[in-house]
Amino acid sequence: MPDVNELLNFAIQETENLNQDEVFLIRDLFKGYEWNRISRSQRLLLGTLFLNYVNTSKDSIQAIEKTSSGQQKYRIKVNNGQLYVAT
């Protein structure tokens, strides 16, 4: 099982495959069986680290509202008319 930093890097890289204005959850960035193999504690830590990354980077990912189950939703936004996702 990869450590949480590897999971974070994977999630950030996967955002490059998303379209402008697309809304997603972190779990959407992983295949279903991959997400299910991550322990609950690692998923919670991954969520915290990903939100921190979004809030501190100049990336085109924006945190939006939470779901009814408390999962943070994100959106890919456009900067100056161009989609930009830093790696």
PDB file of N, CA and C in Angstrom:
ATOM      1  N   MET A   1       0.855  -1.184   0.000  1.00  0.00           N
ATOM      2  CA  MET A   1       0.000   0.000   0.000  1.00  0.00           C
ATOM      3  C   MET A   1       0.896   1.241   0.000  1.00  0.00           C
ATOM      4  N   PRO A   2       0.682   2.165  -0.951  1.00  0.00           N
ATOM      5  CA  PRO A   2       1.488   3.393  -0.987  1.00  0.00           C
ATOM      6  C   PRO A   2       1.241   4.257   0.249  1.00  0.00           C
ATOM      7  N   ASP A   3       2.236   5.075   0.599  1.00  0.00           N
ATOM      8  CA  ASP A   3       2.021   5.972   1.733  1.00  0.00           C
ATOM      9  C   ASP A   3       1.176   7.165   1.293  1.00  0.00           C
ATOM     10  N   VAL A   4       0.740   7.958   2.243  1.00  0.00           N
ATOM     11  CA  VAL A   4      -0.224   9.026   1.969  1.00  0.00           C
ATOM     12  C   VAL A   4       0.363  10.109   1.053  1.00  0.00           C
ATOM     13  N   ASN A   5       1.665  10.330   1.120  1.00  0.00           N
ATOM     14  CA  ASN A   5       2.283  11.324   0.228  1.00  0.00           C
ATOM     15  C   ASN A   5       2.261  10.861  -1.225  1.00  0.00           C
ATOM     16  N   GLU A   6       2.453   9.575  -1.443  1.00  0.00           N
ATOM     17  CA  GLU A   6       2.347   9.016  -2.791  1.00  0.00           C
ATOM     18  C   GLU A   6       0.911   9.115  -3.296  1.00  0.00           C
ATOM     19  N   LEU A   7      -0.046   8.853  -2.423  1.00  0.00           N
ATOM     20  CA  LEU A   7      -1.458   8.972  -2.796  1.00  0.00           C
ATOM     21  C   LEU A   7      -1.799  10.423  -3.149  1.00  0.00           C
ATOM     22  N   LEU A   8      -1.270  11.367  -2.384  1.00  0.00           N
ATOM     23  CA  LEU A   8      -1.503  12.786  -2.653  1.00  0.00           C
ATOM     24  C   LEU A   8      -0.930  13.165  -4.018  1.00  0.00           C
ATOM     25  N   ASN A   9       0.294  12.766  -4.298  1.00  0.00           N
ATOM     26  CA  ASN A   9       0.902  13.067  -5.596  1.00  0.00           C
ATOM     27  C   ASN A   9       0.102  12.460  -6.737  1.00  0.00           C
ATOM     28  N   PHE A  10      -0.379  11.232  -6.541  1.00  0.00           N
ATOM     29  CA  PHE A  10      -1.207  10.584  -7.560  1.00  0.00           C
ATOM     30  C   PHE A  10      -2.490  11.376  -7.797  1.00  0.00           C
ATOM     31  N   ALA A  11      -3.145  11.785  -6.724  1.00  0.00           N
ATOM     32  CA  ALA A  11      -4.401  12.536  -6.843  1.00  0.00           C
ATOM     33  C   ALA A  11      -4.176  13.856  -7.571  1.00  0.00           C
ATOM     34  N   ILE A  12      -3.102  14.550  -7.247  1.00  0.00           N
ATOM     35  CA  ILE A  12      -2.805  15.820  -7.906  1.00  0.00           C
ATOM     36  C   ILE A  12      -2.563  15.599  -9.389  1.00  0.00           C
ATOM     37  N   GLN A  13      -1.816  14.564  -9.739  1.00  0.00           N
ATOM     38  CA  GLN A  13      -1.565  14.262 -11.154  1.00  0.00           C
ATOM     39  C   GLN A  13      -2.851  13.902 -11.884  1.00  0.00           C
ATOM     40  N   GLU A  14      -3.739  13.185 -11.240  1.00  0.00           N
ATOM     41  CA  GLU A  14      -4.993  12.770 -11.875  1.00  0.00           C
ATOM     42  C   GLU A  14      -5.887  13.965 -12.206  1.00  0.00           C
ATOM     43  N   THR A  15      -5.747  15.071 -11.495  1.00  0.00           N
ATOM     44  CA  THR A  15      -6.570  16.244 -11.792  1.00  0.00           C
ATOM     45  C   THR A  15      -6.295  16.786 -13.189  1.00  0.00           C
ATOM     46  N   GLU A  16      -5.138  16.436 -13.772  1.00  0.00           N
ATOM     47  CA  GLU A  16      -4.821  16.867 -15.136  1.00  0.00           C
ATOM     48  C   GLU A  16      -5.776  16.258 -16.160  1.00  0.00           C
ATOM     49  N   ASN A  17      -6.429  15.161 -15.798  1.00  0.00           N
ATOM     50  CA  ASN A  17      -7.346  14.473 -16.717  1.00  0.00           C
ATOM     51  C   ASN A  17      -8.768  15.026 -16.658  1.00  0.00           C
ATOM     52  N   LEU A  18      -9.002  16.019 -15.817  1.00  0.00           N
ATOM     53  CA  LEU A  18     -10.346  16.564 -15.646  1.00  0.00           C
ATOM     54  C   LEU A  18     -10.570  17.756 -16.564  1.00  0.00           C
ATOM     55  N   ASN A  19     -11.822  18.021 -16.869  1.00  0.00           N
ATOM     56  CA  ASN A  19     -12.203  19.121 -17.750  1.00  0.00           C
ATOM     57  C   ASN A  19     -12.488  20.388 -16.956  1.00  0.00           C
ATOM     58  N   GLN A  20     -12.436  21.504 -17.652  1.00  0.00           N
ATOM     59  CA  GLN A  20     -12.762  22.808 -17.072  1.00  0.00           C
ATOM     60  C   GLN A  20     -14.149  22.764 -16.451  1.00  0.00           C
ATOM     61  N   ASP A  21     -14.290  23.352 -15.270  1.00  0.00           N
ATOM     62  CA  ASP A  21     -15.535  23.422 -14.510  1.00  0.00           C
ATOM     63  C   ASP A  21     -16.056  22.065 -14.032  1.00  0.00           C
ATOM     64  N   GLU A  22     -15.258  21.028 -14.141  1.00  0.00           N
ATOM     65  CA  GLU A  22     -15.685  19.716 -13.658  1.00  0.00           C
ATOM     66  C   GLU A  22     -15.619  19.673 -12.131  1.00  0.00           C
ATOM     67  N   VAL A  23     -16.660  19.131 -11.523  1.00  0.00           N
ATOM     68  CA  VAL A  23     -16.738  18.991 -10.068  1.00  0.00           C
ATOM     69  C   VAL A  23     -16.373  17.547  -9.731  1.00  0.00           C
ATOM     70  N   PHE A  24     -15.559  17.372  -8.684  1.00  0.00           N
ATOM     71  CA  PHE A  24     -15.112  16.027  -8.333  1.00  0.00           C
ATOM     72  C   PHE A  24     -14.859  15.913  -6.834  1.00  0.00           C
ATOM     73  N   LEU A  25     -14.830  14.675  -6.386  1.00  0.00           N
ATOM     74  CA  LEU A  25     -14.404  14.312  -5.036  1.00  0.00           C
ATOM     75  C   LEU A  25     -13.047  13.633  -5.175  1.00  0.00           C
ATOM     76  N   ILE A  26     -12.285  13.604  -4.114  1.00  0.00           N
ATOM     77  CA  ILE A  26     -10.978  12.944  -4.180  1.00  0.00           C
ATOM     78  C   ILE A  26     -11.139  11.483  -4.589  1.00  0.00           C
ATOM     79  N   ARG A  27     -12.171  10.840  -4.083  1.00  0.00           N
ATOM     80  CA  ARG A  27     -12.363   9.423  -4.409  1.00  0.00           C
ATOM     81  C   ARG A  27     -12.564   9.193  -5.908  1.00  0.00           C
ATOM     82  N   ASP A  28     -13.036  10.208  -6.638  1.00  0.00           N
ATOM     83  CA  ASP A  28     -13.225  10.091  -8.079  1.00  0.00           C
ATOM     84  C   ASP A  28     -11.899   9.986  -8.832  1.00  0.00           C
ATOM     85  N   LEU A  29     -10.813  10.370  -8.198  1.00  0.00           N
ATOM     86  CA  LEU A  29      -9.507  10.356  -8.838  1.00  0.00           C
ATOM     87  C   LEU A  29      -8.858   8.971  -8.801  1.00  0.00           C
ATOM     88  N   PHE A  30      -9.465   8.042  -8.075  1.00  0.00           N
ATOM     89  CA  PHE A  30      -8.950   6.686  -7.924  1.00  0.00           C
ATOM     90  C   PHE A  30      -9.951   5.695  -8.502  1.00  0.00           C
ATOM     91  N   LYS A  31      -9.438   4.562  -8.969  1.00  0.00           N
ATOM     92  CA  LYS A  31     -10.331   3.481  -9.365  1.00  0.00           C
ATOM     93  C   LYS A  31     -11.011   2.973  -8.098  1.00  0.00           C
ATOM     94  N   GLY A  32     -12.221   2.464  -8.245  1.00  0.00           N
ATOM     95  CA  GLY A  32     -13.008   2.041  -7.089  1.00  0.00           C
ATOM     96  C   GLY A  32     -12.281   1.088  -6.172  1.00  0.00           C
ATOM     97  N   TYR A  33     -11.645   0.062  -6.746  1.00  0.00           N
ATOM     98  CA  TYR A  33     -10.962  -0.920  -5.908  1.00  0.00           C
ATOM     99  C   TYR A  33      -9.721  -0.318  -5.248  1.00  0.00           C
ATOM    100  N   GLU A  34      -9.071   0.659  -5.922  1.00  0.00           N
ATOM    101  CA  GLU A  34      -7.909   1.311  -5.316  1.00  0.00           C
ATOM    102  C   GLU A  34      -8.348   2.123  -4.096  1.00  0.00           C
ATOM    103  N   TRP A  35      -9.459   2.874  -4.257  1.00  0.00           N
ATOM    104  CA  TRP A  35      -9.962   3.694  -3.150  1.00  0.00           C
ATOM    105  C   TRP A  35     -10.358   2.811  -1.969  1.00  0.00           C
ATOM    106  N   ASN A  36     -11.003   1.695  -2.257  1.00  0.00           N
ATOM    107  CA  ASN A  36     -11.456   0.799  -1.188  1.00  0.00           C
ATOM    108  C   ASN A  36     -10.305   0.143  -0.433  1.00  0.00           C
ATOM    109  N   ARG A  37      -9.134   0.058  -1.047  1.00  0.00           N
ATOM    110  CA  ARG A  37      -7.975  -0.550  -0.402  1.00  0.00           C
ATOM    111  C   ARG A  37      -7.237   0.436   0.506  1.00  0.00           C
ATOM    112  N   ILE A  38      -7.568   1.717   0.416  1.00  0.00           N
ATOM    113  CA  ILE A  38      -6.937   2.723   1.268  1.00  0.00           C
ATOM    114  C   ILE A  38      -7.682   2.725   2.600  1.00  0.00           C
ATOM    115  N   SER A  39      -6.949   2.655   3.684  1.00  0.00           N
ATOM    116  CA  SER A  39      -7.595   2.633   4.994  1.00  0.00           C
ATOM    117  C   SER A  39      -8.340   3.945   5.242  1.00  0.00           C
ATOM    118  N   ARG A  40      -9.322   3.890   6.102  1.00  0.00           N
ATOM    119  CA  ARG A  40     -10.127   5.074   6.412  1.00  0.00           C
ATOM    120  C   ARG A  40      -9.252   6.194   6.968  1.00  0.00           C
ATOM    121  N   SER A  41      -8.323   5.848   7.823  1.00  0.00           N
ATOM    122  CA  SER A  41      -7.453   6.874   8.406  1.00  0.00           C
ATOM    123  C   SER A  41      -6.586   7.532   7.341  1.00  0.00           C
ATOM    124  N   GLN A  42      -6.097   6.754   6.373  1.00  0.00           N
ATOM    125  CA  GLN A  42      -5.302   7.332   5.288  1.00  0.00           C
ATOM    126  C   GLN A  42      -6.172   8.193   4.373  1.00  0.00           C
ATOM    127  N   ARG A  43      -7.416   7.782   4.139  1.00  0.00           N
ATOM    128  CA  ARG A  43      -8.317   8.592   3.306  1.00  0.00           C
ATOM    129  C   ARG A  43      -8.601   9.935   3.966  1.00  0.00           C
ATOM    130  N   LEU A  44      -8.816   9.931   5.281  1.00  0.00           N
ATOM    131  CA  LEU A  44      -9.059  11.181   5.999  1.00  0.00           C
ATOM    132  C   LEU A  44      -7.836  12.091   5.939  1.00  0.00           C
ATOM    133  N   LEU A  45      -6.656  11.522   6.134  1.00  0.00           N
ATOM    134  CA  LEU A  45      -5.426  12.305   6.054  1.00  0.00           C
ATOM    135  C   LEU A  45      -5.211  12.818   4.635  1.00  0.00           C
ATOM    136  N   LEU A  46      -5.472  11.990   3.647  1.00  0.00           N
ATOM    137  CA  LEU A  46      -5.355  12.403   2.248  1.00  0.00           C
ATOM    138  C   LEU A  46      -6.274  13.580   1.960  1.00  0.00           C
ATOM    139  N   GLY A  47      -7.499  13.531   2.468  1.00  0.00           N
ATOM    140  CA  GLY A  47      -8.436  14.633   2.275  1.00  0.00           C
ATOM    141  C   GLY A  47      -7.927  15.924   2.878  1.00  0.00           C
ATOM    142  N   THR A  48      -7.354  15.843   4.054  1.00  0.00           N
ATOM    143  CA  THR A  48      -6.797  17.018   4.716  1.00  0.00           C
ATOM    144  C   THR A  48      -5.616  17.578   3.932  1.00  0.00           C
ATOM    145  N   LEU A  49      -4.723  16.696   3.492  1.00  0.00           N
ATOM    146  CA  LEU A  49      -3.552  17.136   2.738  1.00  0.00           C
ATOM    147  C   LEU A  49      -3.938  17.728   1.384  1.00  0.00           C
ATOM    148  N   PHE A  50      -4.931  17.125   0.716  1.00  0.00           N
ATOM    149  CA  PHE A  50      -5.364  17.628  -0.588  1.00  0.00           C
ATOM    150  C   PHE A  50      -6.001  19.010  -0.429  1.00  0.00           C
ATOM    151  N   LEU A  51      -6.830  19.188   0.579  1.00  0.00           N
ATOM    152  CA  LEU A  51      -7.449  20.495   0.824  1.00  0.00           C
ATOM    153  C   LEU A  51      -6.383  21.534   1.141  1.00  0.00           C
ATOM    154  N   ASN A  52      -5.389  21.176   1.931  1.00  0.00           N
ATOM    155  CA  ASN A  52      -4.290  22.084   2.233  1.00  0.00           C
ATOM    156  C   ASN A  52      -3.530  22.452   0.956  1.00  0.00           C
ATOM    157  N   TYR A  53      -3.298  21.465   0.097  1.00  0.00           N
ATOM    158  CA  TYR A  53      -2.633  21.718  -1.178  1.00  0.00           C
ATOM    159  C   TYR A  53      -3.439  22.715  -2.010  1.00  0.00           C
ATOM    160  N   VAL A  54      -4.739  22.501  -2.107  1.00  0.00           N
ATOM    161  CA  VAL A  54      -5.610  23.374  -2.891  1.00  0.00           C
ATOM    162  C   VAL A  54      -5.593  24.801  -2.335  1.00  0.00           C
ATOM    163  N   ASN A  55      -5.633  24.925  -1.021  1.00  0.00           N
ATOM    164  CA  ASN A  55      -5.688  26.247  -0.388  1.00  0.00           C
ATOM    165  C   ASN A  55      -4.364  27.001  -0.438  1.00  0.00           C
ATOM    166  N   THR A  56      -3.248  26.301  -0.611  1.00  0.00           N
ATOM    167  CA  THR A  56      -1.948  26.966  -0.595  1.00  0.00           C
ATOM    168  C   THR A  56      -1.271  27.045  -1.953  1.00  0.00           C
ATOM    169  N   SER A  57      -1.822  26.398  -2.965  1.00  0.00           N
ATOM    170  CA  SER A  57      -1.187  26.413  -4.282  1.00  0.00           C
ATOM    171  C   SER A  57      -1.889  27.414  -5.196  1.00  0.00           C
ATOM    172  N   LYS A  58      -1.216  27.733  -6.263  1.00  0.00           N
ATOM    173  CA  LYS A  58      -1.805  28.612  -7.281  1.00  0.00           C
ATOM    174  C   LYS A  58      -2.403  27.756  -8.393  1.00  0.00           C
ATOM    175  N   ASP A  59      -2.799  26.585  -8.033  1.00  0.00           N
ATOM    176  CA  ASP A  59      -3.372  25.625  -8.967  1.00  0.00           C
ATOM    177  C   ASP A  59      -4.779  26.045  -9.362  1.00  0.00           C
ATOM    178  N   SER A  60      -5.328  25.399 -10.352  1.00  0.00           N
ATOM    179  CA  SER A  60      -6.665  25.750 -10.826  1.00  0.00           C
ATOM    180  C   SER A  60      -7.754  24.928 -10.154  1.00  0.00           C
ATOM    181  N   ILE A  61      -7.443  24.337  -9.021  1.00  0.00           N
ATOM    182  CA  ILE A  61      -8.432  23.559  -8.286  1.00  0.00           C
ATOM    183  C   ILE A  61      -9.012  24.449  -7.196  1.00  0.00           C
ATOM    184  N   GLN A  62     -10.321  24.402  -7.062  1.00  0.00           N
ATOM    185  CA  GLN A  62     -11.015  25.240  -6.090  1.00  0.00           C
ATOM    186  C   GLN A  62     -11.882  24.350  -5.205  1.00  0.00           C
ATOM    187  N   ALA A  63     -11.776  24.534  -3.895  1.00  0.00           N
ATOM    188  CA  ALA A  63     -12.654  23.828  -2.967  1.00  0.00           C
ATOM    189  C   ALA A  63     -14.009  24.525  -2.995  1.00  0.00           C
ATOM    190  N   ILE A  64     -15.072  23.730  -3.119  1.00  0.00           N
ATOM    191  CA  ILE A  64     -16.429  24.284  -3.100  1.00  0.00           C
ATOM    192  C   ILE A  64     -17.175  23.652  -1.934  1.00  0.00           C
ATOM    193  N   GLU A  65     -18.481  23.532  -2.008  1.00  0.00           N
ATOM    194  CA  GLU A  65     -19.263  23.024  -0.870  1.00  0.00           C
ATOM    195  C   GLU A  65     -18.975  21.556  -0.583  1.00  0.00           C
ATOM    196  N   LYS A  66     -19.451  21.104   0.566  1.00  0.00           N
ATOM    197  CA  LYS A  66     -19.323  19.699   0.946  1.00  0.00           C
ATOM    198  C   LYS A  66     -20.612  18.954   0.599  1.00  0.00           C
ATOM    199  N   THR A  67     -20.478  17.643   0.452  1.00  0.00           N
ATOM    200  CA  THR A  67     -21.655  16.811   0.205  1.00  0.00           C
ATOM    201  C   THR A  67     -22.415  16.637   1.510  1.00  0.00           C
ATOM    202  N   SER A  68     -23.587  16.032   1.435  1.00  0.00           N
ATOM    203  CA  SER A  68     -24.375  15.782   2.642  1.00  0.00           C
ATOM    204  C   SER A  68     -23.664  14.820   3.591  1.00  0.00           C
ATOM    205  N   SER A  69     -22.743  14.026   3.051  1.00  0.00           N
ATOM    206  CA  SER A  69     -21.987  13.106   3.906  1.00  0.00           C
ATOM    207  C   SER A  69     -20.666  13.712   4.385  1.00  0.00           C
ATOM    208  N   GLY A  70     -20.443  14.998   4.110  1.00  0.00           N
ATOM    209  CA  GLY A  70     -19.266  15.690   4.627  1.00  0.00           C
ATOM    210  C   GLY A  70     -18.031  15.607   3.762  1.00  0.00           C
ATOM    211  N   GLN A  71     -18.156  15.071   2.552  1.00  0.00           N
ATOM    212  CA  GLN A  71     -17.004  14.998   1.659  1.00  0.00           C
ATOM    213  C   GLN A  71     -16.831  16.327   0.941  1.00  0.00           C
ATOM    214  N   GLN A  72     -15.585  16.795   0.854  1.00  0.00           N
ATOM    215  CA  GLN A  72     -15.285  18.068   0.208  1.00  0.00           C
ATOM    216  C   GLN A  72     -15.373  17.920  -1.308  1.00  0.00           C
ATOM    217  N   LYS A  73     -16.099  18.827  -1.943  1.00  0.00           N
ATOM    218  CA  LYS A  73     -16.167  18.864  -3.398  1.00  0.00           C
ATOM    219  C   LYS A  73     -15.151  19.874  -3.914  1.00  0.00           C
ATOM    220  N   TYR A  74     -14.629  19.591  -5.099  1.00  0.00           N
ATOM    221  CA  TYR A  74     -13.665  20.468  -5.748  1.00  0.00           C
ATOM    222  C   TYR A  74     -14.111  20.745  -7.174  1.00  0.00           C
ATOM    223  N   ARG A  75     -13.597  21.837  -7.741  1.00  0.00           N
ATOM    224  CA  ARG A  75     -13.908  22.197  -9.127  1.00  0.00           C
ATOM    225  C   ARG A  75     -12.613  22.632  -9.802  1.00  0.00           C
ATOM    226  N   ILE A  76     -12.472  22.231 -11.069  1.00  0.00           N
ATOM    227  CA  ILE A  76     -11.371  22.720 -11.894  1.00  0.00           C
ATOM    228  C   ILE A  76     -11.837  24.039 -12.479  1.00  0.00           C
ATOM    229  N   LYS A  77     -11.079  25.099 -12.240  1.00  0.00           N
ATOM    230  CA  LYS A  77     -11.466  26.414 -12.739  1.00  0.00           C
ATOM    231  C   LYS A  77     -10.485  26.879 -13.796  1.00  0.00           C
ATOM    232  N   VAL A  78     -10.837  27.946 -14.480  1.00  0.00           N
ATOM    233  CA  VAL A  78     -10.018  28.493 -15.555  1.00  0.00           C
ATOM    234  C   VAL A  78      -9.309  29.739 -15.057  1.00  0.00           C
ATOM    235  N   ASN A  79      -8.021  29.850 -15.348  1.00  0.00           N
ATOM    236  CA  ASN A  79      -7.235  31.042 -15.025  1.00  0.00           C
ATOM    237  C   ASN A  79      -6.907  31.788 -16.321  1.00  0.00           C
ATOM    238  N   ASN A  80      -7.358  33.026 -16.426  1.00  0.00           N
ATOM    239  CA  ASN A  80      -7.065  33.860 -17.599  1.00  0.00           C
ATOM    240  C   ASN A  80      -7.459  33.184 -18.902  1.00  0.00           C
ATOM    241  N   GLY A  81      -8.574  32.488 -18.906  1.00  0.00           N
ATOM    242  CA  GLY A  81      -9.066  31.874 -20.124  1.00  0.00           C
ATOM    243  C   GLY A  81      -8.393  30.563 -20.479  1.00  0.00           C
ATOM    244  N   GLN A  82      -7.406  30.128 -19.681  1.00  0.00           N
ATOM    245  CA  GLN A  82      -6.724  28.881 -19.976  1.00  0.00           C
ATOM    246  C   GLN A  82      -6.798  27.967 -18.767  1.00  0.00           C
ATOM    247  N   LEU A  83      -6.954  26.697 -19.039  1.00  0.00           N
ATOM    248  CA  LEU A  83      -6.959  25.708 -17.966  1.00  0.00           C
ATOM    249  C   LEU A  83      -5.526  25.437 -17.580  1.00  0.00           C
ATOM    250  N   TYR A  84      -5.221  25.499 -16.291  1.00  0.00           N
ATOM    251  CA  TYR A  84      -3.865  25.286 -15.830  1.00  0.00           C
ATOM    252  C   TYR A  84      -3.890  24.452 -14.569  1.00  0.00           C
ATOM    253  N   VAL A  85      -3.190  23.335 -14.621  1.00  0.00           N
ATOM    254  CA  VAL A  85      -3.032  22.496 -13.446  1.00  0.00           C
ATOM    255  C   VAL A  85      -1.540  22.249 -13.280  1.00  0.00           C
ATOM    256  N   ALA A  86      -0.973  22.733 -12.206  1.00  0.00           N
ATOM    257  CA  ALA A  86       0.452  22.555 -11.934  1.00  0.00           C
ATOM    258  C   ALA A  86       0.710  21.137 -11.429  1.00  0.00           C
ATOM    259  N   THR A  87       1.894  20.633 -11.691  1.00  0.00           N
ATOM    260  CA  THR A  87       2.256  19.303 -11.197  1.00  0.00           C
ATOM    261  C   THR A  87       3.393  19.411 -10.224  1.00  0.00           C
TER     262      THR A  87
END
